Amino acid sequence: MVQVIKRMEVIPVAGYDSMLLNLAGAHEPFFTRNIVVMTDSDGVIGVGEVPGGEVITRRLESCIPLVEGRPWSQCNDIVMTCAKMLSAQVTAAPAGGTETAHAQIFKKVTNVLTGVETPLLDIMAKHLEVPVAALLGDGQQRDSVRFLGYLFYVGDRTKTGMPYIHDDDDSDEWGRIRREPALTAEAIVHQAKAAQERFGFHDFKLKGGVFSGAEEMEAIRALKRSFPDARITIDPNGAWSLAESLELCRDMVGTLTYCEDPCGAEGRFSGRETMAEFHRLSGLATATNMIDTDWREMKAAIRLDSVTIPLADPHFWTMRGCVRVAQLCHDMDLTWGVHSNNHFDISLHMVAQAAAAAPGFYNACDTHYMWQDGQHLGQEPPVFRDGCLSVPRDAPGLGVEIDRAKLEAAHRLYVEHDCGTRDDAAGMQSIIPGWEYDPHRPALVR
């Protein structure tokens, strides 16, 4: 008998966050995600996690009639049918005004398709008794996946009047400091040491776009002194001009291993063109999740030699799509990596499965999970060993079995606090009245 999808559930959820600072402002006390749970006619359950927000919730819900009653074996056709329907919706939608790069990327329908594709792959892999990685690309390439420590400047929650979580974990130094202010180079190094002690990370990324570029580069130099063998990068989300980027990075070869989105569009030049100039003139490798977020942009970025490390994570490319990017990188002497937003353990497993199927060398994967550690929705928490997650070949599916009680609690948190679409400006405005996002001015340079 052919197994079909009997039920598709879309569950908006929330988790607790620290006051992490970035170019667009400050993370609010709660981050949001959409969890998709599918159950087939044999009772096998598949799960997926994608970004939060009402728009994505509604789009996922609009896919339910196209999924329920269909055999999971028709995964490709189901995803294609949903893509056609969603593309028609987006084409008909009115254009918005000035937005953060984050908001622009989240308008793409690919993250919704990932929410449909992932639980289907999870169910399929469980029936076939293989990891999801075995169904991606040329199959599973490795049993362990490297992650990096994602460091942030952290604002002072006590000045906001907002309900940021605190004093929730005193089990080690990372638990004690991750909710507290971190506004200096010394504090960033302290973060890195504490995160390495808990998770074992060997590589680090600093979210920039908060202070002046010169001040942030001092933090990078301090990190390199403390971790001389680490691959280190900074991501100011394109806040710097091309000229400023080159000035800041002219003596950073050997300190910065690569630079993520140092500059963006300027006048008549696109972000891909300015990044190409930066790459050529600085001698540094470049990474991005801003200038090659779909295949058309990817073609242009490769032709211009704008990017060395495309950050193509499952949420914005689909599980199969991001592994296609990894195969492209392997064939064209590029390095595949992923980008991250705040997420639960389901997303962490999605990234690990995709990276397990990526051929050749890959960049240590971004993850915010160090900031959410302890808030898992699965029955068992993820365990990092030496900065890596294992992807056992004898563990069928995605690698996470949903805990319904935790899922329901995360949904209640979403409802009780009236959570919705991410708004980093609101967090910053709680300490700087009238603060507004400016894509070319660091958040605390006003």
Protein backbone atom coordinates (compact mmCIF):
# COMPACT_ATOMS: atom_id res chain seq x y z
CA MET A 1 0.00 0.00 0.00
CA VAL A 2 1.31 3.46 -0.93
CA GLN A 3 1.94 5.67 2.09
CA VAL A 4 0.53 9.19 1.80
CA ILE A 5 0.83 12.33 3.90
CA LYS A 6 -2.21 12.27 6.15
CA ARG A 7 -1.52 15.51 8.00
CA MET A 8 0.67 18.60 7.62
CA GLU A 9 0.86 20.92 10.63
CA VAL A 10 2.35 24.43 10.60
CA ILE A 11 3.24 25.59 14.11
CA PRO A 12 4.70 29.05 14.76
CA VAL A 13 6.99 28.95 17.79
CA ALA A 14 9.21 31.24 19.81
CA GLY A 15 12.36 30.86 21.88
CA TYR A 16 14.40 33.11 24.15
CA ASP A 17 17.25 35.23 22.83
CA SER A 18 20.00 37.50 24.09
CA MET A 19 20.24 41.16 23.03
CA LEU A 20 22.50 40.40 20.07
CA LEU A 21 23.55 43.50 18.12
CA ASN A 22 23.92 43.83 14.35
CA LEU A 23 23.62 46.40 11.58
CA ALA A 24 19.81 46.18 11.63
CA GLY A 25 19.55 46.81 15.38
CA ALA A 26 19.19 44.41 18.29
CA HIS A 27 17.56 41.02 18.59
CA GLU A 28 14.34 41.17 20.55
CA PRO A 29 13.81 39.00 23.67
CA PHE A 30 12.16 36.29 21.56
CA PHE A 31 13.09 34.78 18.20
CA THR A 32 10.50 33.06 16.06
CA ARG A 33 10.45 30.04 13.77
CA ASN A 34 7.90 27.98 11.87
CA ILE A 35 7.90 24.25 12.55
CA VAL A 36 6.33 21.88 10.02
CA VAL A 37 5.25 18.43 11.17
CA MET A 38 4.02 15.86 8.65
CA THR A 39 2.53 12.46 9.51
CA ASP A 40 2.07 9.73 6.91
CA SER A 41 -0.50 6.95 6.74
CA ASP A 42 1.86 4.60 8.58
CA GLY A 43 2.24 7.08 11.44
CA VAL A 44 5.81 8.03 10.48
CA ILE A 45 6.55 11.65 11.40
CA GLY A 46 8.76 14.10 9.52
CA VAL A 47 9.78 17.56 10.74
CA GLY A 48 11.26 20.75 9.36
CA GLU A 49 12.11 24.24 10.65
CA VAL A 50 12.19 27.50 8.71
CA PRO A 51 12.28 31.22 9.59
CA GLY A 52 9.45 32.77 11.57
CA GLY A 53 6.91 35.43 10.69
CA GLU A 54 3.27 35.56 9.70
CA VAL A 55 3.97 35.75 5.97
CA ILE A 56 5.88 32.48 5.99
CA THR A 57 3.27 30.89 8.28
CA ARG A 58 0.47 31.78 5.86
CA ARG A 59 2.43 30.59 2.84
CA LEU A 60 3.16 27.27 4.50
CA GLU A 61 -0.51 26.88 5.40
CA SER A 62 -1.45 27.56 1.77
CA CYS A 63 0.65 24.52 0.82
CA ILE A 64 -1.30 22.11 3.03
CA PRO A 65 -3.95 21.20 0.38
CA LEU A 66 -1.13 20.49 -2.08
CA VAL A 67 0.62 18.12 0.35
CA GLU A 68 -2.03 16.18 2.25
CA GLY A 69 -3.17 13.03 0.48
CA ARG A 70 -0.03 12.89 -1.70
CA PRO A 71 2.50 10.01 -1.47
CA TRP A 72 5.74 11.12 0.16
CA SER A 73 7.52 9.35 -2.68
CA GLN A 74 6.34 12.21 -4.91
CA CYS A 75 8.45 14.69 -2.92
CA ASN A 76 9.91 16.43 -5.97
CA ASP A 77 6.55 16.88 -7.64
CA ILE A 78 4.94 18.15 -4.41
CA VAL A 79 7.66 20.75 -3.92
CA MET A 80 7.44 21.83 -7.59
CA THR A 81 3.64 22.22 -7.34
CA CYS A 82 4.02 24.35 -4.22
CA ALA A 83 6.72 26.44 -5.92
CA LYS A 84 4.44 27.27 -8.84
CA MET A 85 1.59 28.27 -6.53
CA LEU A 86 3.82 30.40 -4.27
CA SER A 87 5.61 32.09 -7.17
CA ALA A 88 2.25 33.23 -8.53
CA GLN A 89 1.38 34.69 -5.11
CA VAL A 90 4.65 36.60 -4.80
CA THR A 91 4.45 37.94 -8.35
CA ALA A 92 1.04 39.38 -7.56
CA ALA A 93 2.17 40.95 -4.25
CA PRO A 94 2.99 44.70 -4.13
CA ALA A 95 6.62 45.76 -3.79
CA GLY A 96 7.82 47.09 -0.43
CA GLY A 97 9.94 50.09 0.50
CA THR A 98 13.41 50.29 2.00
CA GLU A 99 14.17 47.08 3.88
CA THR A 100 17.03 45.34 5.60
CA ALA A 101 18.86 42.69 3.60
CA HIS A 102 17.43 40.22 6.09
CA ALA A 103 13.86 41.23 5.21
CA GLN A 104 14.54 41.10 1.47
CA ILE A 105 15.91 37.56 1.64
CA PHE A 106 12.98 36.42 3.76
CA LYS A 107 10.57 37.50 1.02
CA LYS A 108 11.84 34.68 -1.18
CA VAL A 109 9.57 31.62 -1.29
CA THR A 110 12.45 29.16 -1.05
CA ASN A 111 12.30 29.10 2.74
CA VAL A 112 8.64 27.98 2.46
CA LEU A 113 9.60 25.25 0.01
CA THR A 114 12.24 24.08 2.48
CA GLY A 115 9.45 23.77 5.05
CA VAL A 116 7.63 21.42 2.69
CA GLU A 117 10.65 19.50 1.39
CA THR A 118 12.42 18.75 4.68
CA PRO A 119 9.67 16.78 6.47
CA LEU A 120 9.05 14.82 3.27
CA LEU A 121 12.75 13.90 3.11
CA ASP A 122 12.70 13.05 6.81
CA ILE A 123 9.82 10.61 6.27
CA MET A 124 11.35 9.15 3.11
CA ALA A 125 14.71 8.60 4.83
CA LYS A 126 13.03 6.88 7.78
CA HIS A 127 11.21 4.48 5.47
CA LEU A 128 14.45 3.76 3.62
CA GLU A 129 16.37 3.52 6.92
CA VAL A 130 19.07 6.01 5.88
CA PRO A 131 20.03 9.54 7.03
CA VAL A 132 18.60 12.43 5.00
CA ALA A 133 22.18 13.11 3.86
CA ALA A 134 22.05 9.85 1.89
CA LEU A 135 19.22 11.31 -0.24
CA LEU A 136 21.06 14.55 -1.08
CA GLY A 137 23.51 15.12 -3.94
CA ASP A 138 25.76 12.11 -4.39
CA GLY A 139 24.95 10.83 -0.91
CA GLN A 140 26.59 11.06 2.50
CA GLN A 141 30.22 12.17 2.31
CA ARG A 142 31.16 12.37 6.02
CA ASP A 143 30.01 11.28 9.46
CA SER A 144 30.91 14.48 11.33
CA VAL A 145 30.29 18.15 10.52
CA ARG A 146 32.30 21.16 11.75
CA PHE A 147 30.60 24.29 13.12
CA LEU A 148 32.03 27.67 14.08
CA GLY A 149 31.49 29.91 17.10
CA TYR A 150 29.24 32.82 16.11
CA LEU A 151 30.20 35.80 18.30
CA PHE A 152 28.10 38.92 18.85
CA TYR A 153 28.33 42.22 20.60
CA VAL A 154 25.57 42.06 23.21
CA GLY A 155 23.59 45.07 24.43
CA ASP A 156 22.71 45.85 28.03
CA ARG A 157 19.28 44.26 28.53
CA THR A 158 18.80 46.12 31.84
CA LYS A 159 18.48 49.42 29.96
CA THR A 160 15.61 48.28 27.77
CA GLY A 161 12.66 47.38 29.97
CA MET A 162 12.14 44.40 27.65
CA PRO A 163 11.76 40.83 29.02
CA TYR A 164 15.13 39.40 28.01
CA ILE A 165 15.95 36.08 29.60
CA HIS A 166 18.76 36.07 32.17
CA ASP A 167 20.24 33.88 34.90
CA ASP A 168 18.91 30.79 33.11
CA ASP A 169 22.16 28.79 33.03
CA ASP A 170 25.02 28.87 35.50
CA SER A 171 26.44 25.47 34.55
CA ASP A 172 29.60 26.98 33.04
CA GLU A 173 31.14 30.26 31.96
CA TRP A 174 29.28 30.32 28.62
CA GLY A 175 25.96 29.95 30.39
CA ARG A 176 26.84 32.74 32.80
CA ILE A 177 27.96 35.32 30.21
CA ARG A 178 25.77 34.79 27.13
CA ARG A 179 22.95 37.05 28.42
CA GLU A 180 25.24 39.81 29.70
CA PRO A 181 26.63 42.91 27.91
CA ALA A 182 29.62 42.35 25.61
CA LEU A 183 30.72 45.64 24.05
CA THR A 184 34.52 45.44 23.93
CA ALA A 185 37.21 43.41 22.22
CA GLU A 186 38.02 41.82 25.59
CA ALA A 187 34.40 40.73 26.01
CA ILE A 188 34.36 39.18 22.53
CA VAL A 189 37.48 37.15 23.31
CA HIS A 190 35.89 36.07 26.60
CA GLN A 191 32.85 34.90 24.63
CA ALA A 192 35.03 32.89 22.28
CA LYS A 193 36.93 31.19 25.09
CA ALA A 194 33.73 30.31 26.95
CA ALA A 195 32.05 29.01 23.79
CA GLN A 196 35.10 26.92 22.93
CA GLU A 197 35.09 25.43 26.42
CA ARG A 198 31.47 24.28 26.07
CA PHE A 199 31.27 23.40 22.38
CA GLY A 200 34.87 22.89 21.26
CA PHE A 201 34.76 25.36 18.34
CA HIS A 202 38.03 25.95 16.50
CA ASP A 203 36.84 28.74 14.16
CA PHE A 204 35.02 31.99 14.90
CA LYS A 205 32.89 34.63 13.21
CA LEU A 206 32.14 38.08 14.62
CA LYS A 207 28.94 39.85 13.66
CA GLY A 208 30.04 43.37 12.78
CA GLY A 209 28.13 46.45 11.68
CA VAL A 210 27.77 47.59 15.30
CA PHE A 211 30.76 49.85 16.04
CA SER A 212 33.19 51.58 13.70
CA GLY A 213 35.07 49.24 11.42
CA ALA A 214 38.37 50.16 13.09
CA GLU A 215 37.03 49.20 16.52
CA GLU A 216 35.67 45.91 15.24
CA MET A 217 39.00 45.09 13.60
CA GLU A 218 40.65 45.46 17.00
CA ALA A 219 38.32 42.71 18.23
CA ILE A 220 39.38 40.54 15.27
CA ARG A 221 43.06 41.08 16.05
CA ALA A 222 42.43 40.21 19.69
CA LEU A 223 40.68 37.01 18.63
CA LYS A 224 43.60 36.03 16.39
CA ARG A 225 46.07 36.60 19.21
CA SER A 226 44.05 34.30 21.44
CA PHE A 227 43.30 31.72 18.72
CA PRO A 228 46.24 31.85 16.29
CA ASP A 229 45.20 28.68 14.44
CA ALA A 230 41.52 29.62 14.03
CA ARG A 231 39.82 30.55 10.78
CA ILE A 232 38.36 33.94 11.68
CA THR A 233 35.94 36.20 9.80
CA ILE A 234 33.81 39.28 10.33
CA ASP A 235 30.39 40.05 8.86
CA PRO A 236 29.31 43.72 8.83
CA ASN A 237 26.43 42.95 6.42
CA GLY A 238 27.76 45.30 3.76
CA ALA A 239 27.91 48.33 6.09
CA TRP A 240 31.30 49.53 4.88
CA SER A 241 32.02 51.30 1.62
CA LEU A 242 34.45 49.68 -0.78
CA ALA A 243 37.12 52.24 0.08
CA GLU A 244 36.60 51.73 3.82
CA SER A 245 36.64 47.96 3.41
CA LEU A 246 39.98 48.08 1.63
CA GLU A 247 41.46 50.45 4.21
CA LEU A 248 40.28 48.30 7.12
CA CYS A 249 41.49 45.06 5.56
CA ARG A 250 44.73 46.13 3.89
CA ASP A 251 46.88 44.51 6.59
CA MET A 252 44.49 41.73 7.61
CA VAL A 253 45.67 38.91 5.32
CA GLY A 254 46.77 36.21 7.74
CA THR A 255 44.49 37.56 10.48
CA LEU A 256 41.17 37.39 8.67
CA THR A 257 40.90 34.10 6.82
CA TYR A 258 38.04 35.53 4.81
CA CYS A 259 35.67 38.49 4.99
CA GLU A 260 31.90 38.17 4.76
CA ASP A 261 29.97 40.93 2.96
CA PRO A 262 32.31 43.80 3.85
CA CYS A 263 30.68 46.10 1.30
CA GLY A 264 27.55 46.30 -0.80
CA ALA A 265 25.98 48.23 -3.65
CA GLU A 266 27.36 51.72 -4.27
CA GLY A 267 25.74 54.12 -6.71
CA ARG A 268 25.53 52.44 -10.10
CA PHE A 269 27.61 49.44 -8.96
CA SER A 270 25.94 46.33 -7.56
CA GLY A 271 27.10 44.52 -4.45
CA ARG A 272 28.52 41.80 -6.67
CA GLU A 273 30.69 44.36 -8.48
CA THR A 274 32.00 46.03 -5.31
CA MET A 275 32.68 42.64 -3.72
CA ALA A 276 34.62 41.59 -6.82
CA GLU A 277 36.81 44.70 -6.49
CA PHE A 278 37.33 44.06 -2.80
CA HIS A 279 38.28 40.44 -3.46
CA ARG A 280 40.77 41.42 -6.14
CA LEU A 281 42.38 44.38 -4.35
CA SER A 282 42.44 43.08 -0.77
CA GLY A 283 43.78 39.60 -1.46
CA LEU A 284 41.20 38.21 0.98
CA ALA A 285 38.73 35.45 0.31
CA THR A 286 35.11 36.58 0.43
CA ALA A 287 31.93 35.01 1.77
CA THR A 288 28.35 36.12 1.29
CA ASN A 289 24.72 35.38 2.03
CA MET A 290 23.63 38.72 0.56
CA ILE A 291 24.74 38.94 -3.09
CA ASP A 292 24.11 35.39 -4.33
CA THR A 293 20.85 34.26 -2.74
CA ASP A 294 19.44 32.54 -5.84
CA TRP A 295 20.77 30.94 -9.01
CA ARG A 296 20.61 34.05 -11.16
CA GLU A 297 22.62 36.03 -8.59
CA MET A 298 25.00 33.10 -8.18
CA LYS A 299 25.77 33.08 -11.91
CA ALA A 300 26.61 36.79 -11.84
CA ALA A 301 28.73 36.47 -8.69
CA ILE A 302 30.76 33.63 -10.17
CA ARG A 303 31.29 35.44 -13.48
CA LEU A 304 32.56 38.50 -11.63
CA ASP A 305 34.66 36.45 -9.17
CA SER A 306 32.86 38.21 -6.32
CA VAL A 307 32.70 35.36 -3.85
CA THR A 308 34.98 32.59 -2.65
CA ILE A 309 32.60 31.09 -0.07
CA PRO A 310 28.91 31.12 -1.04
CA LEU A 311 26.89 30.69 2.17
CA ALA A 312 24.01 28.63 0.86
CA ASP A 313 22.05 27.17 3.77
CA PRO A 314 19.01 24.87 3.48
CA HIS A 315 16.53 27.49 4.66
CA PHE A 316 17.12 29.78 1.67
CA TRP A 317 18.05 27.17 -0.95
CA THR A 318 16.12 24.04 0.14
CA MET A 319 17.94 20.93 1.34
CA ARG A 320 18.62 19.66 -2.16
CA GLY A 321 19.34 23.14 -3.54
CA CYS A 322 22.04 23.95 -1.00
CA VAL A 323 23.80 20.65 -1.73
CA ARG A 324 23.65 21.51 -5.43
CA VAL A 325 25.52 24.71 -4.53
CA ALA A 326 28.05 22.60 -2.59
CA GLN A 327 28.60 20.41 -5.65
CA LEU A 328 29.04 23.52 -7.80
CA CYS A 329 31.59 24.90 -5.35
CA HIS A 330 33.50 21.63 -5.36
CA ASP A 331 33.65 21.57 -9.16
CA MET A 332 34.62 25.25 -9.50
CA ASP A 333 37.27 25.50 -6.75
CA LEU A 334 35.00 27.48 -4.43
CA THR A 335 34.22 26.68 -0.81
CA TRP A 336 30.67 25.95 0.32
CA GLY A 337 29.34 27.19 3.64
CA VAL A 338 26.06 28.10 5.33
CA HIS A 339 24.67 31.18 7.01
CA SER A 340 22.55 31.16 10.15
CA ASN A 341 19.77 32.91 12.02
CA ASN A 342 18.46 32.11 15.49
CA HIS A 343 17.09 28.60 15.39
CA PHE A 344 16.13 25.47 17.27
CA ASP A 345 17.73 22.04 17.01
CA ILE A 346 15.68 20.97 13.98
CA SER A 347 17.45 23.58 11.83
CA LEU A 348 20.77 22.52 13.32
CA HIS A 349 20.14 18.95 12.17
CA MET A 350 19.05 20.20 8.74
CA VAL A 351 22.37 22.00 8.31
CA ALA A 352 24.32 19.01 9.60
CA GLN A 353 22.61 16.65 7.13
CA ALA A 354 23.24 19.02 4.22
CA ALA A 355 26.88 19.50 5.19
CA ALA A 356 27.30 15.74 5.53
CA ALA A 357 26.36 15.49 1.84
CA ALA A 358 28.61 18.36 0.68
CA PRO A 359 31.57 17.05 -1.37
CA GLY A 360 35.15 18.06 -0.71
CA PHE A 361 36.27 20.88 1.56
CA TYR A 362 33.61 23.00 3.22
CA ASN A 363 33.65 25.97 5.56
CA ALA A 364 32.76 25.39 9.22
CA CYS A 365 29.01 25.96 9.36
CA ASP A 366 27.48 29.07 10.91
CA THR A 367 25.12 28.47 13.79
CA HIS A 368 23.33 30.64 16.35
CA TYR A 369 22.54 27.52 18.36
CA MET A 370 25.14 28.37 21.01
CA TRP A 371 22.83 31.23 21.98
CA GLN A 372 19.80 28.91 22.10
CA ASP A 373 21.52 25.86 23.62
CA GLY A 374 19.10 24.14 26.01
CA GLN A 375 15.94 25.08 24.09
CA HIS A 376 15.78 22.00 21.86
CA LEU A 377 12.43 20.77 20.53
CA GLY A 378 13.63 17.23 20.01
CA GLN A 379 13.55 14.48 22.59
CA GLU A 380 17.34 14.55 22.92
CA PRO A 381 19.60 17.64 22.87
CA PRO A 382 22.26 18.04 20.16
CA VAL A 383 25.76 17.29 21.43
CA PHE A 384 28.83 19.07 20.05
CA ARG A 385 32.14 17.27 20.35
CA ASP A 386 35.28 19.18 19.41
CA GLY A 387 33.12 21.71 17.56
CA CYS A 388 31.39 19.02 15.50
CA LEU A 389 28.05 17.26 15.27
CA SER A 390 27.94 13.63 14.27
CA VAL A 391 25.67 12.36 11.48
CA PRO A 392 25.54 8.59 12.08
CA ARG A 393 24.92 6.44 9.03
CA ASP A 394 22.73 4.10 11.08
CA ALA A 395 20.37 6.87 12.31
CA PRO A 396 17.46 7.15 9.82
CA GLY A 397 15.91 10.49 8.91
CA LEU A 398 16.86 13.99 9.98
CA GLY A 399 18.19 12.90 13.35
CA VAL A 400 15.62 14.58 15.60
CA GLU A 401 12.41 13.14 17.03
CA ILE A 402 9.98 15.88 18.01
CA ASP A 403 8.97 16.33 21.65
CA ARG A 404 5.33 17.39 21.49
CA ALA A 405 5.34 18.93 24.97
CA LYS A 406 8.32 21.16 24.11
CA LEU A 407 6.78 22.07 20.77
CA GLU A 408 3.52 23.09 22.43
CA ALA A 409 5.38 25.13 25.04
CA ALA A 410 7.29 26.99 22.30
CA HIS A 411 3.99 27.69 20.53
CA ARG A 412 2.45 29.01 23.77
CA LEU A 413 5.43 31.33 24.19
CA TYR A 414 4.80 32.63 20.66
CA VAL A 415 1.12 33.28 21.38
CA GLU A 416 1.50 34.70 24.89
CA HIS A 417 4.05 37.30 23.80
CA ASP A 418 2.31 38.12 20.52
CA CYS A 419 5.43 37.26 18.56
CA GLY A 420 5.62 37.59 14.80
CA THR A 421 8.05 38.86 12.20
CA ARG A 422 11.55 39.71 13.38
CA ASP A 423 12.08 43.43 14.05
CA ASP A 424 15.62 44.30 15.16
CA ALA A 425 14.83 48.02 15.09
CA ALA A 426 12.41 47.64 18.02
CA GLY A 427 15.13 46.29 20.29
CA MET A 428 17.49 49.14 19.43
CA GLN A 429 14.79 51.77 19.82
CA SER A 430 14.29 50.62 23.40
CA ILE A 431 17.70 52.11 24.26
CA ILE A 432 18.06 54.75 21.52
CA PRO A 433 14.71 56.52 20.95
CA GLY A 434 14.05 57.25 17.29
CA TRP A 435 16.80 54.89 16.09
CA GLU A 436 16.40 53.95 12.42
CA TYR A 437 18.10 51.36 10.27
CA ASP A 438 20.71 52.69 7.84
CA PRO A 439 22.42 50.09 5.62
CA HIS A 440 25.62 52.18 5.56
CA ARG A 441 25.91 53.18 9.22
CA PRO A 442 26.87 50.76 12.00
CA ALA A 443 24.14 50.37 14.57
CA LEU A 444 25.89 52.25 17.39
CA VAL A 445 27.55 54.88 15.19
CA ARG A 446 24.98 57.66 15.32
